[in-house]
N, C-alpha and C. Protein backbone atom coordinates (compact mmCIF):
# COMPACT_ATOMS: atom_id res chain seq x y z
N MET A 1 197.48 223.82 197.13
CA MET A 1 198.78 223.15 197.18
C MET A 1 198.79 221.99 196.19
N ARG A 2 199.81 221.93 195.38
CA ARG A 2 199.96 220.86 194.38
C ARG A 2 200.22 219.54 195.09
N GLY A 3 199.63 218.49 194.58
CA GLY A 3 199.81 217.17 195.15
C GLY A 3 201.14 216.55 194.76
N GLN A 4 201.32 215.35 195.20
CA GLN A 4 202.52 214.56 194.88
C GLN A 4 202.06 213.17 194.39
N ALA A 5 203.01 212.45 193.79
CA ALA A 5 202.71 211.11 193.28
C ALA A 5 203.66 210.08 193.84
N VAL A 6 203.11 208.91 194.09
CA VAL A 6 203.87 207.73 194.49
C VAL A 6 203.48 206.63 193.51
N ALA A 7 204.45 205.96 192.90
CA ALA A 7 204.19 204.86 192.00
C ALA A 7 204.60 203.55 192.65
N VAL A 8 203.67 202.61 192.67
CA VAL A 8 203.97 201.25 193.12
C VAL A 8 204.01 200.39 191.88
N VAL A 9 205.20 199.91 191.54
CA VAL A 9 205.43 199.15 190.31
C VAL A 9 205.55 197.67 190.64
N GLY A 10 204.69 196.89 190.05
CA GLY A 10 204.79 195.44 190.19
C GLY A 10 205.72 194.90 189.13
N ALA A 11 206.88 194.43 189.53
CA ALA A 11 207.86 193.93 188.55
C ALA A 11 207.32 192.74 187.80
N ALA A 12 206.46 191.96 188.44
CA ALA A 12 205.83 190.80 187.81
C ALA A 12 204.44 190.68 188.37
N GLY A 13 203.56 190.02 187.66
CA GLY A 13 202.19 189.85 188.13
C GLY A 13 202.14 188.94 189.35
N GLY A 14 201.18 189.24 190.24
CA GLY A 14 200.95 188.38 191.38
C GLY A 14 201.88 188.57 192.57
N VAL A 15 202.62 189.67 192.59
CA VAL A 15 203.56 189.90 193.71
C VAL A 15 202.96 190.80 194.80
N GLY A 16 201.74 191.29 194.61
CA GLY A 16 201.10 192.09 195.65
C GLY A 16 201.21 193.59 195.49
N ALA A 17 201.57 194.06 194.30
CA ALA A 17 201.72 195.50 194.09
C ALA A 17 200.39 196.23 194.24
N THR A 18 199.30 195.67 193.72
CA THR A 18 198.02 196.32 193.84
C THR A 18 197.58 196.41 195.31
N THR A 19 197.79 195.33 196.02
CA THR A 19 197.45 195.33 197.46
C THR A 19 198.26 196.37 198.20
N LEU A 20 199.56 196.43 197.92
CA LEU A 20 200.41 197.42 198.56
C LEU A 20 199.95 198.84 198.21
N ALA A 21 199.65 199.09 196.93
CA ALA A 21 199.21 200.41 196.50
C ALA A 21 197.93 200.82 197.22
N ALA A 22 196.99 199.90 197.33
CA ALA A 22 195.72 200.18 198.00
C ALA A 22 195.93 200.47 199.48
N LEU A 23 196.73 199.65 200.14
CA LEU A 23 196.96 199.84 201.58
C LEU A 23 197.75 201.15 201.84
N LEU A 24 198.70 201.46 200.96
CA LEU A 24 199.44 202.71 201.07
C LEU A 24 198.49 203.90 200.91
N ALA A 25 197.61 203.84 199.92
CA ALA A 25 196.64 204.92 199.71
C ALA A 25 195.73 205.08 200.92
N ALA A 26 195.26 203.97 201.49
CA ALA A 26 194.40 204.04 202.67
C ALA A 26 195.13 204.65 203.86
N ARG A 27 196.39 204.26 204.06
CA ARG A 27 197.15 204.79 205.16
C ARG A 27 197.41 206.29 204.99
N LEU A 28 197.72 206.71 203.78
CA LEU A 28 197.97 208.14 203.54
C LEU A 28 196.68 208.94 203.73
N ALA A 29 195.57 208.38 203.30
CA ALA A 29 194.28 209.07 203.45
C ALA A 29 193.88 209.16 204.91
N ALA A 30 194.25 208.16 205.70
CA ALA A 30 193.94 208.20 207.14
C ALA A 30 194.60 209.37 207.83
N GLY A 31 195.67 209.90 207.24
CA GLY A 31 196.38 211.04 207.79
C GLY A 31 195.68 212.36 207.46
N GLY A 32 194.56 212.30 206.74
CA GLY A 32 193.79 213.50 206.44
C GLY A 32 194.04 214.11 205.08
N ARG A 33 194.97 213.60 204.35
CA ARG A 33 195.29 214.15 203.04
C ARG A 33 194.36 213.53 201.99
N PRO A 34 193.88 214.31 200.99
CA PRO A 34 193.09 213.70 199.92
C PRO A 34 193.98 212.83 199.04
N VAL A 35 193.55 211.58 198.81
CA VAL A 35 194.34 210.60 198.08
C VAL A 35 193.51 210.00 196.96
N ALA A 36 194.12 209.86 195.79
CA ALA A 36 193.52 209.16 194.67
C ALA A 36 194.42 208.00 194.29
N LEU A 37 193.79 206.84 194.07
CA LEU A 37 194.49 205.62 193.66
C LEU A 37 194.13 205.36 192.22
N LEU A 38 195.15 205.37 191.33
CA LEU A 38 194.94 205.13 189.92
C LEU A 38 195.52 203.77 189.52
N ASP A 39 194.70 202.88 189.05
CA ASP A 39 195.13 201.57 188.59
C ASP A 39 195.43 201.68 187.11
N LEU A 40 196.70 201.49 186.73
CA LEU A 40 197.09 201.64 185.34
C LEU A 40 197.13 200.32 184.58
N ASP A 41 196.60 199.26 185.17
CA ASP A 41 196.53 197.97 184.49
C ASP A 41 195.09 197.70 184.12
N VAL A 42 194.69 198.17 182.94
CA VAL A 42 193.27 198.04 182.56
C VAL A 42 192.94 196.66 181.97
N ARG A 43 193.94 195.84 181.80
CA ARG A 43 193.66 194.51 181.24
C ARG A 43 193.04 193.56 182.25
N ARG A 44 193.12 193.93 183.49
CA ARG A 44 192.60 193.09 184.58
C ARG A 44 191.67 193.93 185.44
N GLY A 45 190.85 193.30 186.25
CA GLY A 45 189.96 194.00 187.15
C GLY A 45 190.63 194.34 188.46
N GLY A 46 191.94 194.42 188.48
CA GLY A 46 192.78 194.63 189.63
C GLY A 46 192.17 195.30 190.82
N VAL A 47 192.28 196.62 190.88
CA VAL A 47 191.90 197.37 192.05
C VAL A 47 190.36 197.32 192.27
N GLU A 48 189.60 197.32 191.23
CA GLU A 48 188.13 197.25 191.37
C GLU A 48 187.70 195.98 192.07
N VAL A 49 188.28 194.85 191.71
CA VAL A 49 187.95 193.57 192.32
C VAL A 49 188.50 193.51 193.74
N LEU A 50 189.75 193.90 193.92
CA LEU A 50 190.38 193.85 195.23
C LEU A 50 189.61 194.65 196.27
N LEU A 51 189.18 195.85 195.90
CA LEU A 51 188.53 196.74 196.85
C LEU A 51 187.00 196.59 196.90
N GLY A 52 186.44 195.84 195.96
CA GLY A 52 184.98 195.66 195.94
C GLY A 52 184.24 196.90 195.49
N THR A 53 184.85 197.69 194.60
CA THR A 53 184.20 198.92 194.15
C THR A 53 183.54 198.82 192.79
N GLU A 54 183.46 197.62 192.23
CA GLU A 54 182.93 197.47 190.86
C GLU A 54 181.53 198.06 190.69
N ALA A 55 180.68 197.94 191.67
CA ALA A 55 179.29 198.37 191.56
C ALA A 55 179.10 199.84 191.96
N ARG A 56 180.11 200.49 192.41
CA ARG A 56 179.96 201.89 192.82
C ARG A 56 179.90 202.82 191.63
N GLU A 57 179.09 203.86 191.76
CA GLU A 57 178.93 204.84 190.68
C GLU A 57 180.22 205.65 190.51
N GLY A 58 180.46 206.07 189.30
CA GLY A 58 181.60 206.93 189.02
C GLY A 58 182.32 206.51 187.76
N PRO A 59 183.14 207.40 187.25
CA PRO A 59 183.86 207.09 186.01
C PRO A 59 184.97 206.05 186.21
N ARG A 60 185.20 205.32 185.15
CA ARG A 60 186.28 204.35 185.06
C ARG A 60 187.18 204.80 183.89
N TRP A 61 188.30 204.11 183.71
CA TRP A 61 189.22 204.48 182.62
C TRP A 61 188.51 204.48 181.27
N ALA A 62 187.56 203.58 181.04
CA ALA A 62 186.86 203.53 179.75
C ALA A 62 186.12 204.84 179.49
N ASP A 63 185.64 205.49 180.56
CA ASP A 63 184.92 206.77 180.41
C ASP A 63 185.85 207.93 180.16
N LEU A 64 187.11 207.77 180.55
CA LEU A 64 188.09 208.85 180.44
C LEU A 64 189.18 208.55 179.40
N ALA A 65 188.99 207.52 178.61
CA ALA A 65 190.04 206.99 177.74
C ALA A 65 190.58 208.03 176.75
N THR A 66 189.76 209.02 176.38
CA THR A 66 190.21 210.03 175.44
C THR A 66 190.19 211.43 176.05
N ALA A 67 190.19 211.50 177.36
CA ALA A 67 190.18 212.81 178.03
C ALA A 67 191.42 213.59 177.68
N ARG A 68 191.27 214.88 177.63
CA ARG A 68 192.38 215.78 177.38
C ARG A 68 192.32 216.90 178.39
N GLY A 69 193.49 217.44 178.73
CA GLY A 69 193.54 218.49 179.75
C GLY A 69 193.32 219.85 179.13
N PRO A 70 193.13 220.84 179.96
CA PRO A 70 193.07 220.70 181.42
C PRO A 70 191.71 220.20 181.87
N LEU A 71 191.73 219.36 182.87
CA LEU A 71 190.50 218.87 183.49
C LEU A 71 190.38 219.51 184.87
N ASP A 72 189.15 219.58 185.36
CA ASP A 72 188.94 220.09 186.72
C ASP A 72 189.14 218.93 187.68
N GLY A 73 190.28 218.92 188.35
CA GLY A 73 190.64 217.82 189.23
C GLY A 73 189.71 217.64 190.41
N ALA A 74 189.21 218.76 190.98
CA ALA A 74 188.30 218.67 192.12
C ALA A 74 187.00 218.01 191.69
N ASP A 75 186.47 218.38 190.51
CA ASP A 75 185.24 217.77 190.03
C ASP A 75 185.46 216.29 189.73
N LEU A 76 186.59 215.98 189.11
CA LEU A 76 186.91 214.60 188.79
C LEU A 76 186.99 213.77 190.08
N ALA A 77 187.74 214.28 191.05
CA ALA A 77 187.89 213.55 192.32
C ALA A 77 186.55 213.33 193.00
N ALA A 78 185.68 214.29 192.94
CA ALA A 78 184.38 214.18 193.59
C ALA A 78 183.51 213.13 192.92
N ALA A 79 183.75 212.89 191.61
CA ALA A 79 182.93 211.92 190.88
C ALA A 79 183.46 210.50 190.99
N LEU A 80 184.72 210.31 191.34
CA LEU A 80 185.30 208.97 191.36
C LEU A 80 184.69 208.10 192.44
N PRO A 81 184.63 206.79 192.19
CA PRO A 81 184.22 205.87 193.25
C PRO A 81 185.16 205.98 194.43
N ARG A 82 184.65 205.68 195.61
CA ARG A 82 185.49 205.81 196.80
C ARG A 82 185.59 204.45 197.50
N TRP A 83 186.76 204.26 198.08
CA TRP A 83 187.01 203.12 198.98
C TRP A 83 187.43 203.76 200.28
N GLY A 84 186.53 203.86 201.21
CA GLY A 84 186.79 204.60 202.41
C GLY A 84 187.06 206.05 202.05
N ARG A 85 188.20 206.57 202.42
CA ARG A 85 188.57 207.97 202.13
C ARG A 85 189.35 208.11 200.83
N VAL A 86 189.57 207.00 200.14
CA VAL A 86 190.41 207.01 198.91
C VAL A 86 189.53 207.07 197.66
N GLU A 87 189.85 208.01 196.79
CA GLU A 87 189.20 208.08 195.49
C GLU A 87 189.90 207.06 194.58
N VAL A 88 189.12 206.31 193.82
CA VAL A 88 189.68 205.20 193.04
C VAL A 88 189.31 205.33 191.56
N LEU A 89 190.30 205.20 190.71
CA LEU A 89 190.08 205.14 189.27
C LEU A 89 190.71 203.87 188.75
N GLY A 90 189.88 202.98 188.30
CA GLY A 90 190.33 201.69 187.77
C GLY A 90 189.60 201.33 186.49
N ALA A 91 189.78 200.12 186.09
CA ALA A 91 189.14 199.61 184.89
C ALA A 91 187.89 198.85 185.26
N ASP A 92 187.00 198.71 184.31
CA ASP A 92 185.83 197.86 184.49
C ASP A 92 185.84 196.79 183.42
N ARG A 93 184.75 196.11 183.27
CA ARG A 93 184.69 194.98 182.32
C ARG A 93 184.91 195.40 180.87
N ARG A 94 184.75 196.69 180.58
CA ARG A 94 184.99 197.14 179.21
C ARG A 94 186.47 197.07 178.85
N ALA A 95 187.35 197.12 179.85
CA ALA A 95 188.80 196.99 179.68
C ALA A 95 189.34 197.88 178.56
N VAL A 96 188.81 199.10 178.48
CA VAL A 96 189.27 200.06 177.47
C VAL A 96 190.49 200.78 178.04
N ALA A 97 191.58 200.70 177.32
CA ALA A 97 192.82 201.34 177.78
C ALA A 97 192.81 202.82 177.45
N PRO A 98 193.12 203.66 178.43
CA PRO A 98 193.25 205.09 178.11
C PRO A 98 194.54 205.31 177.36
N ASP A 99 194.53 206.32 176.49
CA ASP A 99 195.78 206.63 175.83
C ASP A 99 196.66 207.46 176.76
N ALA A 100 197.91 207.65 176.37
CA ALA A 100 198.88 208.33 177.24
C ALA A 100 198.45 209.74 177.58
N ALA A 101 197.81 210.43 176.63
CA ALA A 101 197.38 211.80 176.90
C ALA A 101 196.27 211.83 177.95
N ALA A 102 195.37 210.83 177.95
CA ALA A 102 194.31 210.78 178.92
C ALA A 102 194.85 210.51 180.31
N VAL A 103 195.80 209.55 180.41
CA VAL A 103 196.40 209.25 181.70
C VAL A 103 197.12 210.49 182.24
N ALA A 104 197.85 211.18 181.38
CA ALA A 104 198.56 212.39 181.81
C ALA A 104 197.60 213.49 182.24
N ALA A 105 196.49 213.65 181.51
CA ALA A 105 195.52 214.71 181.85
C ALA A 105 194.87 214.44 183.19
N VAL A 106 194.46 213.18 183.43
CA VAL A 106 193.84 212.81 184.71
C VAL A 106 194.83 212.97 185.85
N HIS A 107 196.04 212.46 185.66
CA HIS A 107 197.08 212.55 186.66
C HIS A 107 197.37 213.99 187.03
N GLU A 108 197.56 214.84 186.02
CA GLU A 108 197.86 216.25 186.25
C GLU A 108 196.72 216.97 186.96
N ALA A 109 195.48 216.67 186.55
CA ALA A 109 194.31 217.32 187.15
C ALA A 109 194.22 216.98 188.66
N LEU A 110 194.47 215.73 188.99
CA LEU A 110 194.40 215.34 190.39
C LEU A 110 195.53 215.95 191.22
N LEU A 111 196.71 216.02 190.62
CA LEU A 111 197.82 216.70 191.30
C LEU A 111 197.51 218.18 191.53
N GLU A 112 196.99 218.84 190.50
CA GLU A 112 196.64 220.25 190.61
C GLU A 112 195.55 220.47 191.66
N ALA A 113 194.69 219.47 191.88
CA ALA A 113 193.63 219.58 192.89
C ALA A 113 194.16 219.20 194.27
N GLY A 114 195.48 219.01 194.39
CA GLY A 114 196.07 218.78 195.71
C GLY A 114 196.05 217.35 196.19
N ARG A 115 195.74 216.41 195.28
CA ARG A 115 195.70 215.00 195.68
C ARG A 115 197.07 214.42 195.79
N LEU A 116 197.23 213.49 196.71
CA LEU A 116 198.39 212.60 196.71
C LEU A 116 197.95 211.45 195.82
N VAL A 117 198.61 211.26 194.72
CA VAL A 117 198.19 210.27 193.73
C VAL A 117 199.06 209.03 193.87
N VAL A 118 198.43 207.89 194.16
CA VAL A 118 199.13 206.61 194.22
C VAL A 118 198.85 205.89 192.91
N LEU A 119 199.90 205.62 192.17
CA LEU A 119 199.79 204.93 190.89
C LEU A 119 200.10 203.45 191.08
N ASP A 120 199.19 202.59 190.67
CA ASP A 120 199.42 201.14 190.66
C ASP A 120 199.84 200.80 189.25
N VAL A 121 201.13 200.51 189.07
CA VAL A 121 201.70 200.39 187.73
C VAL A 121 202.23 198.95 187.50
N PRO A 122 201.66 198.22 186.56
CA PRO A 122 202.25 196.93 186.21
C PRO A 122 203.56 197.15 185.45
N GLY A 123 204.52 196.28 185.64
CA GLY A 123 205.82 196.44 185.00
C GLY A 123 205.73 196.59 183.50
N HIS A 124 204.80 195.86 182.86
CA HIS A 124 204.70 195.92 181.39
C HIS A 124 204.28 197.31 180.91
N ALA A 125 203.62 198.11 181.78
CA ALA A 125 203.18 199.42 181.35
C ALA A 125 204.32 200.41 181.21
N LEU A 126 205.47 200.07 181.78
CA LEU A 126 206.64 200.97 181.68
C LEU A 126 207.15 201.07 180.24
N ALA A 127 206.70 200.18 179.36
CA ALA A 127 207.08 200.27 177.96
C ALA A 127 206.42 201.47 177.28
N ASP A 128 205.33 201.98 177.90
CA ASP A 128 204.64 203.17 177.41
C ASP A 128 205.41 204.39 177.89
N ASP A 129 205.87 205.21 176.98
CA ASP A 129 206.65 206.40 177.37
C ASP A 129 205.90 207.33 178.31
N GLY A 130 204.59 207.45 178.08
CA GLY A 130 203.79 208.33 178.94
C GLY A 130 203.75 207.83 180.39
N VAL A 131 203.51 206.55 180.57
CA VAL A 131 203.49 205.95 181.91
C VAL A 131 204.87 206.02 182.53
N ALA A 132 205.91 205.71 181.74
CA ALA A 132 207.26 205.75 182.26
C ALA A 132 207.60 207.17 182.73
N GLY A 133 207.13 208.17 182.04
CA GLY A 133 207.37 209.56 182.44
C GLY A 133 206.71 209.89 183.77
N LEU A 134 205.49 209.41 183.97
CA LEU A 134 204.81 209.63 185.24
C LEU A 134 205.55 208.95 186.39
N VAL A 135 206.05 207.75 186.13
CA VAL A 135 206.78 207.00 187.15
C VAL A 135 208.10 207.71 187.49
N ARG A 136 208.79 208.20 186.46
CA ARG A 136 210.06 208.90 186.72
C ARG A 136 209.86 210.15 187.57
N ALA A 137 208.68 210.78 187.47
CA ALA A 137 208.40 212.00 188.23
C ALA A 137 207.84 211.72 189.63
N ALA A 138 207.67 210.47 189.98
CA ALA A 138 207.07 210.08 191.27
C ALA A 138 208.10 209.44 192.19
N ARG A 139 207.74 209.32 193.43
CA ARG A 139 208.50 208.44 194.32
C ARG A 139 208.08 207.05 193.95
N VAL A 140 209.03 206.11 193.90
CA VAL A 140 208.75 204.79 193.34
C VAL A 140 209.05 203.68 194.34
N LEU A 141 208.13 202.74 194.43
CA LEU A 141 208.32 201.50 195.17
C LEU A 141 208.21 200.36 194.15
N VAL A 142 209.20 199.48 194.08
CA VAL A 142 209.15 198.34 193.17
C VAL A 142 208.88 197.10 194.02
N VAL A 143 207.84 196.34 193.62
CA VAL A 143 207.48 195.13 194.33
C VAL A 143 207.83 193.94 193.45
N THR A 144 208.54 192.98 194.04
CA THR A 144 208.98 191.79 193.29
C THR A 144 208.90 190.55 194.14
N GLY A 145 208.93 189.44 193.49
CA GLY A 145 208.99 188.15 194.21
C GLY A 145 210.40 187.90 194.67
N GLN A 146 210.56 186.93 195.54
CA GLN A 146 211.87 186.61 196.10
C GLN A 146 212.51 185.45 195.35
N ASP A 147 212.73 185.68 194.08
CA ASP A 147 213.38 184.65 193.26
C ASP A 147 214.17 185.35 192.16
N VAL A 148 214.93 184.59 191.45
CA VAL A 148 215.80 185.14 190.42
C VAL A 148 214.98 185.83 189.33
N LEU A 149 213.89 185.22 188.92
CA LEU A 149 213.05 185.83 187.87
C LEU A 149 212.44 187.14 188.36
N GLY A 150 212.02 187.21 189.62
CA GLY A 150 211.46 188.41 190.19
C GLY A 150 212.47 189.54 190.25
N VAL A 151 213.66 189.21 190.67
CA VAL A 151 214.70 190.24 190.73
C VAL A 151 215.08 190.70 189.32
N ALA A 152 215.13 189.80 188.35
CA ALA A 152 215.40 190.18 186.97
C ALA A 152 214.31 191.10 186.45
N ALA A 153 213.06 190.79 186.76
CA ALA A 153 211.95 191.64 186.32
C ALA A 153 212.02 193.00 186.97
N ALA A 154 212.41 193.08 188.25
CA ALA A 154 212.55 194.36 188.94
C ALA A 154 213.68 195.18 188.31
N ALA A 155 214.77 194.53 187.96
CA ALA A 155 215.89 195.24 187.34
C ALA A 155 215.45 195.80 185.97
N ALA A 156 214.63 195.04 185.26
CA ALA A 156 214.17 195.49 183.93
C ALA A 156 213.17 196.65 184.09
N ALA A 157 212.45 196.66 185.21
CA ALA A 157 211.43 197.71 185.42
C ALA A 157 212.04 199.01 185.92
N THR A 158 213.27 199.00 186.36
CA THR A 158 213.86 200.25 186.89
C THR A 158 214.82 200.86 185.95
């Protein structure tokens, strides 16, 4: 069965989008479905630091930065670091950004392997057509602060 995707978009930094994405992934995994959490903000240690998975074995975006499809999603998922029942793909200290083709190949492989893929997407990443395309094809949650600048950032992100 093909998986589905949910994108959690942080309209601005520091509004809790990564935390929400992680908790959503954990809740979905608790229901018995295989879940992969992909952090698309490689400029920061976001999900790796939040979840304490930095020292766990497995590939990071720097290792997959030039990946091309088709990839074996089941093998990829089995190799990823885990946070409880959630497979996690984030950045490490190398902060190497994957290109759009690599993100698309990884995303597609995990969906084909039946994963529910939770994307943690910073608002600035929506300028990338490849990331924007993934978000358009997903169910989307936009997280923003409760101020005029936050609402303006959310409007720009949608």
